[in-house]
């Protein structure tokens, strides 16, 4: 199947790289994929690089070279694990015009809260680890992606504006600060 429009991962990528069954309707996943891209991936890439890559994917699918490597090797694995983290609630419920229903099956048993928490935590750890690796790749290869760290307006995210590490945050932040902190945390 071709790349889903405006998304970094396709239906086949999701189903081939996760435990999601073939019978899951991809339309239930699309809002979660979009949300994860906007929430987790755009924060790392920054709006300029994020929008540039999406523009190359849809509708012409013209990713190549470094952009293709970035998406296939670094963005997609992180994104699919964020989708698994977030989609568990989405896939559990059906939103209908009269009510919200909970999915059930004659051939399976629902898990309890503790098991569900364990699954979510497991995917969150995976996603955070892969996102950190994505950030490291971008820091080490920022010359290959000139839009990484650039911002053209107040409504755009700078790449990886890290959260404050002190109790008083005075604002600011740039890709250079993030990469310096990344290298410091990794003993470089």
C-alpha atoms as a PDB file:
ATOM      1  CA  UNK A   1       0.000   0.000   0.000  1.00  0.00           C
ATOM      2  CA  UNK A   2       1.218   3.500  -0.772  1.00  0.00           C
ATOM      3  CA  UNK A   3       2.180   5.951   1.943  1.00  0.00           C
ATOM      4  CA  UNK A   4      -0.854   7.338   3.765  1.00  0.00           C
ATOM      5  CA  UNK A   5      -1.221  10.979   2.766  1.00  0.00           C
ATOM      6  CA  UNK A   6       0.553  13.354   5.102  1.00  0.00           C
ATOM      7  CA  UNK A   7       1.883  10.646   7.408  1.00  0.00           C
ATOM      8  CA  UNK A   8       5.384   9.301   7.976  1.00  0.00           C
ATOM      9  CA  UNK A   9       4.205   5.687   8.250  1.00  0.00           C
ATOM     10  CA  UNK A  10       1.887   3.557   6.125  1.00  0.00           C
ATOM     11  CA  UNK A  11      -0.779   1.055   7.103  1.00  0.00           C
ATOM     12  CA  UNK A  12       1.506  -1.794   6.045  1.00  0.00           C
ATOM     13  CA  UNK A  13       4.378  -0.358   8.114  1.00  0.00           C
ATOM     14  CA  UNK A  14       2.157  -0.231  11.191  1.00  0.00           C
ATOM     15  CA  UNK A  15       0.845  -3.764  10.727  1.00  0.00           C
ATOM     16  CA  UNK A  16       4.243  -5.248   9.798  1.00  0.00           C
ATOM     17  CA  UNK A  17       6.098  -3.622  12.702  1.00  0.00           C
ATOM     18  CA  UNK A  18       3.625  -3.880  15.580  1.00  0.00           C
ATOM     19  CA  UNK A  19       1.387  -6.423  17.224  1.00  0.00           C
ATOM     20  CA  UNK A  20      -1.716  -4.822  15.658  1.00  0.00           C
ATOM     21  CA  UNK A  21      -3.798  -7.447  13.843  1.00  0.00           C
ATOM     22  CA  UNK A  22      -4.429  -7.329  10.114  1.00  0.00           C
ATOM     23  CA  UNK A  23      -8.159  -6.965  10.788  1.00  0.00           C
ATOM     24  CA  UNK A  24      -7.799  -3.609  12.591  1.00  0.00           C
ATOM     25  CA  UNK A  25      -9.347  -0.853  10.499  1.00  0.00           C
ATOM     26  CA  UNK A  26      -6.596   1.646   9.718  1.00  0.00           C
ATOM     27  CA  UNK A  27      -9.121   4.493   9.866  1.00  0.00           C
ATOM     28  CA  UNK A  28      -9.262   3.992  13.637  1.00  0.00           C
ATOM     29  CA  UNK A  29      -5.489   4.507  13.748  1.00  0.00           C
ATOM     30  CA  UNK A  30      -5.101   7.526  11.461  1.00  0.00           C
ATOM     31  CA  UNK A  31      -6.064  10.154  14.069  1.00  0.00           C
ATOM     32  CA  UNK A  32      -3.629   8.571  16.513  1.00  0.00           C
ATOM     33  CA  UNK A  33      -0.828   8.547  13.934  1.00  0.00           C
ATOM     34  CA  UNK A  34      -1.491  12.213  13.158  1.00  0.00           C
ATOM     35  CA  UNK A  35      -1.579  13.078  16.873  1.00  0.00           C
ATOM     36  CA  UNK A  36       1.693  11.271  17.563  1.00  0.00           C
ATOM     37  CA  UNK A  37       3.404  13.019  14.657  1.00  0.00           C
ATOM     38  CA  UNK A  38       2.272  16.438  15.857  1.00  0.00           C
ATOM     39  CA  UNK A  39       2.935  15.733  19.527  1.00  0.00           C
ATOM     40  CA  UNK A  40       6.166  13.749  19.552  1.00  0.00           C
ATOM     41  CA  UNK A  41       7.880  13.913  16.158  1.00  0.00           C
ATOM     42  CA  UNK A  42       7.370  17.581  15.282  1.00  0.00           C
ATOM     43  CA  UNK A  43       8.805  18.479  18.701  1.00  0.00           C
ATOM     44  CA  UNK A  44      12.068  16.728  17.805  1.00  0.00           C
ATOM     45  CA  UNK A  45      12.304  17.803  14.164  1.00  0.00           C
ATOM     46  CA  UNK A  46      11.040  21.354  14.538  1.00  0.00           C
ATOM     47  CA  UNK A  47       8.189  22.661  12.404  1.00  0.00           C
ATOM     48  CA  UNK A  48      10.337  23.677   9.422  1.00  0.00           C
ATOM     49  CA  UNK A  49      11.927  20.238   8.901  1.00  0.00           C
ATOM     50  CA  UNK A  50       8.683  18.450   9.838  1.00  0.00           C
ATOM     51  CA  UNK A  51       6.665  20.371   7.223  1.00  0.00           C
ATOM     52  CA  UNK A  52       9.406  19.988   4.609  1.00  0.00           C
ATOM     53  CA  UNK A  53       9.478  16.196   4.987  1.00  0.00           C
ATOM     54  CA  UNK A  54       5.686  15.895   4.934  1.00  0.00           C
ATOM     55  CA  UNK A  55       5.576  18.045   1.798  1.00  0.00           C
ATOM     56  CA  UNK A  56       7.953  15.643   0.085  1.00  0.00           C
ATOM     57  CA  UNK A  57       5.911  12.617   1.141  1.00  0.00           C
ATOM     58  CA  UNK A  58       2.460  13.772   0.075  1.00  0.00           C
ATOM     59  CA  UNK A  59       1.285  13.694  -2.611  1.00  0.00           C
ATOM     60  CA  UNK A  60       4.396  13.057  -4.736  1.00  0.00           C
ATOM     61  CA  UNK A  61       6.360  10.686  -2.466  1.00  0.00           C
ATOM     62  CA  UNK A  62       9.686  12.245  -3.472  1.00  0.00           C
ATOM     63  CA  UNK A  63      11.751  11.339  -0.430  1.00  0.00           C
ATOM     64  CA  UNK A  64      15.277  10.293  -1.307  1.00  0.00           C
ATOM     65  CA  UNK A  65      18.793  10.307   0.050  1.00  0.00           C
ATOM     66  CA  UNK A  66      19.227  11.660   3.560  1.00  0.00           C
ATOM     67  CA  UNK A  67      15.522  12.492   3.904  1.00  0.00           C
ATOM     68  CA  UNK A  68      14.574   8.904   3.121  1.00  0.00           C
ATOM     69  CA  UNK A  69      17.135   7.562   5.603  1.00  0.00           C
ATOM     70  CA  UNK A  70      15.862   9.963   8.273  1.00  0.00           C
ATOM     71  CA  UNK A  71      12.255   8.865   7.819  1.00  0.00           C
ATOM     72  CA  UNK A  72      12.794   5.134   7.341  1.00  0.00           C
ATOM     73  CA  UNK A  73      15.548   4.495   9.879  1.00  0.00           C
ATOM     74  CA  UNK A  74      14.867   7.085  12.565  1.00  0.00           C
ATOM     75  CA  UNK A  75      11.401   8.688  12.441  1.00  0.00           C
ATOM     76  CA  UNK A  76       9.239   5.666  11.561  1.00  0.00           C
ATOM     77  CA  UNK A  77      10.448   3.350  14.358  1.00  0.00           C
ATOM     78  CA  UNK A  78       9.949   6.065  16.987  1.00  0.00           C
ATOM     79  CA  UNK A  79       6.579   7.072  15.571  1.00  0.00           C
ATOM     80  CA  UNK A  80       5.168   3.546  15.383  1.00  0.00           C
ATOM     81  CA  UNK A  81       5.992   3.007  19.056  1.00  0.00           C
ATOM     82  CA  UNK A  82       4.327   6.293  20.012  1.00  0.00           C
ATOM     83  CA  UNK A  83       1.298   5.075  18.039  1.00  0.00           C
ATOM     84  CA  UNK A  84       1.280   1.822  20.012  1.00  0.00           C
ATOM     85  CA  UNK A  85       1.496   3.824  23.242  1.00  0.00           C
ATOM     86  CA  UNK A  86      -1.395   6.120  22.316  1.00  0.00           C
ATOM     87  CA  UNK A  87      -3.616   3.739  20.278  1.00  0.00           C
ATOM     88  CA  UNK A  88      -4.443   1.372  23.093  1.00  0.00           C
ATOM     89  CA  UNK A  89      -7.279   3.554  24.336  1.00  0.00           C
ATOM     90  CA  UNK A  90      -8.467   4.432  20.825  1.00  0.00           C
ATOM     91  CA  UNK A  91      -8.723   0.799  19.801  1.00  0.00           C
ATOM     92  CA  UNK A  92     -10.592  -0.158  22.954  1.00  0.00           C
ATOM     93  CA  UNK A  93     -13.625   2.056  22.299  1.00  0.00           C
ATOM     94  CA  UNK A  94     -16.095   2.647  19.460  1.00  0.00           C
ATOM     95  CA  UNK A  95     -17.521   6.136  19.185  1.00  0.00           C
ATOM     96  CA  UNK A  96     -21.019   6.008  17.706  1.00  0.00           C
ATOM     97  CA  UNK A  97     -23.727   8.606  17.191  1.00  0.00           C
ATOM     98  CA  UNK A  98     -25.737   7.396  20.213  1.00  0.00           C
ATOM     99  CA  UNK A  99     -23.042   6.244  22.643  1.00  0.00           C
ATOM    100  CA  UNK A 100     -19.495   5.144  23.240  1.00  0.00           C
ATOM    101  CA  UNK A 101     -19.064   1.380  23.356  1.00  0.00           C
ATOM    102  CA  UNK A 102     -16.275  -0.832  24.586  1.00  0.00           C
ATOM    103  CA  UNK A 103     -14.942  -3.519  22.253  1.00  0.00           C
ATOM    104  CA  UNK A 104     -15.169  -7.142  23.313  1.00  0.00           C
ATOM    105  CA  UNK A 105     -14.719 -10.534  21.712  1.00  0.00           C
ATOM    106  CA  UNK A 106     -15.884 -14.098  22.237  1.00  0.00           C
ATOM    107  CA  UNK A 107     -12.318 -15.297  21.649  1.00  0.00           C
ATOM    108  CA  UNK A 108     -10.346 -13.064  24.011  1.00  0.00           C
ATOM    109  CA  UNK A 109     -10.318 -11.862  27.594  1.00  0.00           C
ATOM    110  CA  UNK A 110      -9.935  -8.185  28.494  1.00  0.00           C
ATOM    111  CA  UNK A 111      -6.838  -7.288  30.461  1.00  0.00           C
ATOM    112  CA  UNK A 112      -6.981  -5.555  33.820  1.00  0.00           C
ATOM    113  CA  UNK A 113      -5.685  -2.081  34.603  1.00  0.00           C
ATOM    114  CA  UNK A 114      -2.293  -3.316  35.836  1.00  0.00           C
ATOM    115  CA  UNK A 115      -1.630  -5.280  32.644  1.00  0.00           C
ATOM    116  CA  UNK A 116      -2.776  -2.351  30.536  1.00  0.00           C
ATOM    117  CA  UNK A 117      -0.483   0.028  32.427  1.00  0.00           C
ATOM    118  CA  UNK A 118       2.410  -2.398  31.875  1.00  0.00           C
ATOM    119  CA  UNK A 119       1.768  -2.422  28.096  1.00  0.00           C
ATOM    120  CA  UNK A 120       1.536   1.365  27.893  1.00  0.00           C
ATOM    121  CA  UNK A 121       4.696   1.796  29.956  1.00  0.00           C
ATOM    122  CA  UNK A 122       6.524  -0.728  27.779  1.00  0.00           C
ATOM    123  CA  UNK A 123       5.671   1.132  24.559  1.00  0.00           C
ATOM    124  CA  UNK A 124       6.434   4.482  26.148  1.00  0.00           C
ATOM    125  CA  UNK A 125       9.952   3.312  27.101  1.00  0.00           C
ATOM    126  CA  UNK A 126      10.524   2.035  23.565  1.00  0.00           C
ATOM    127  CA  UNK A 127       9.225   5.239  22.002  1.00  0.00           C
ATOM    128  CA  UNK A 128      11.281   7.472  24.291  1.00  0.00           C
ATOM    129  CA  UNK A 129      14.429   5.475  23.578  1.00  0.00           C
ATOM    130  CA  UNK A 130      13.920   5.618  19.807  1.00  0.00           C
ATOM    131  CA  UNK A 131      13.037   9.323  19.979  1.00  0.00           C
ATOM    132  CA  UNK A 132      16.263  10.003  21.879  1.00  0.00           C
ATOM    133  CA  UNK A 133      18.181   8.129  19.174  1.00  0.00           C
ATOM    134  CA  UNK A 134      16.388  10.221  16.495  1.00  0.00           C
ATOM    135  CA  UNK A 135      17.396  13.375  18.308  1.00  0.00           C
ATOM    136  CA  UNK A 136      20.989  12.164  18.552  1.00  0.00           C
ATOM    137  CA  UNK A 137      21.082  11.358  14.845  1.00  0.00           C
ATOM    138  CA  UNK A 138      19.824  14.842  14.008  1.00  0.00           C
ATOM    139  CA  UNK A 139      22.343  16.464  16.333  1.00  0.00           C
ATOM    140  CA  UNK A 140      25.220  14.478  14.852  1.00  0.00           C
ATOM    141  CA  UNK A 141      24.032  15.132  11.283  1.00  0.00           C
ATOM    142  CA  UNK A 142      22.531  18.610  11.524  1.00  0.00           C
ATOM    143  CA  UNK A 143      24.573  19.742   8.504  1.00  0.00           C
ATOM    144  CA  UNK A 144      22.565  17.276   6.346  1.00  0.00           C
ATOM    145  CA  UNK A 145      19.272  18.861   7.438  1.00  0.00           C
ATOM    146  CA  UNK A 146      19.600  22.654   7.224  1.00  0.00           C
ATOM    147  CA  UNK A 147      15.959  23.141   8.285  1.00  0.00           C
ATOM    148  CA  UNK A 148      16.647  21.368  11.571  1.00  0.00           C
ATOM    149  CA  UNK A 149      16.634  24.059  14.213  1.00  0.00           C
ATOM    150  CA  UNK A 150      15.298  26.823  11.991  1.00  0.00           C
ATOM    151  CA  UNK A 151      12.115  28.648  12.850  1.00  0.00           C
ATOM    152  CA  UNK A 152      10.272  31.162  10.720  1.00  0.00           C
ATOM    153  CA  UNK A 153       7.519  32.292  13.036  1.00  0.00           C
ATOM    154  CA  UNK A 154       6.033  32.353  16.491  1.00  0.00           C
ATOM    155  CA  UNK A 155       3.637  29.503  15.665  1.00  0.00           C
ATOM    156  CA  UNK A 156       6.464  27.113  14.822  1.00  0.00           C
ATOM    157  CA  UNK A 157       8.323  24.805  17.160  1.00  0.00           C
ATOM    158  CA  UNK A 158      12.085  24.966  17.363  1.00  0.00           C
ATOM    159  CA  UNK A 159      13.642  21.549  17.198  1.00  0.00           C
ATOM    160  CA  UNK A 160      13.739  19.882  20.573  1.00  0.00           C
ATOM    161  CA  UNK A 161      13.235  22.771  22.904  1.00  0.00           C
ATOM    162  CA  UNK A 162      14.098  20.721  25.940  1.00  0.00           C
ATOM    163  CA  UNK A 163      12.111  21.147  29.133  1.00  0.00           C
ATOM    164  CA  UNK A 164      13.730  23.183  31.872  1.00  0.00           C
ATOM    165  CA  UNK A 165      16.029  21.424  34.303  1.00  0.00           C
ATOM    166  CA  UNK A 166      15.632  24.049  37.028  1.00  0.00           C
ATOM    167  CA  UNK A 167      12.608  25.238  38.955  1.00  0.00           C
ATOM    168  CA  UNK A 168      12.629  28.638  37.212  1.00  0.00           C
ATOM    169  CA  UNK A 169      12.520  28.635  33.411  1.00  0.00           C
ATOM    170  CA  UNK A 170      13.537  31.870  31.714  1.00  0.00           C
ATOM    171  CA  UNK A 171      12.622  30.808  28.159  1.00  0.00           C
ATOM    172  CA  UNK A 172      14.802  30.473  25.140  1.00  0.00           C
ATOM    173  CA  UNK A 173      16.254  27.386  23.641  1.00  0.00           C
ATOM    174  CA  UNK A 174      17.684  26.360  20.335  1.00  0.00           C
ATOM    175  CA  UNK A 175      18.902  23.336  18.484  1.00  0.00           C
ATOM    176  CA  UNK A 176      22.461  24.232  19.503  1.00  0.00           C
ATOM    177  CA  UNK A 177      21.527  24.116  23.195  1.00  0.00           C
ATOM    178  CA  UNK A 178      19.733  20.819  22.653  1.00  0.00           C
ATOM    179  CA  UNK A 179      22.621  19.244  20.763  1.00  0.00           C
ATOM    180  CA  UNK A 180      25.117  20.460  23.357  1.00  0.00           C
ATOM    181  CA  UNK A 181      22.984  18.938  26.109  1.00  0.00           C
ATOM    182  CA  UNK A 182      22.551  15.734  24.097  1.00  0.00           C
ATOM    183  CA  UNK A 183      26.303  15.409  23.668  1.00  0.00           C
ATOM    184  CA  UNK A 184      26.874  16.191  27.364  1.00  0.00           C
ATOM    185  CA  UNK A 185      24.351  13.546  28.475  1.00  0.00           C
ATOM    186  CA  UNK A 186      26.034  11.002  26.217  1.00  0.00           C
ATOM    187  CA  UNK A 187      29.572  11.731  27.417  1.00  0.00           C
ATOM    188  CA  UNK A 188      30.745  13.516  24.298  1.00  0.00           C
END
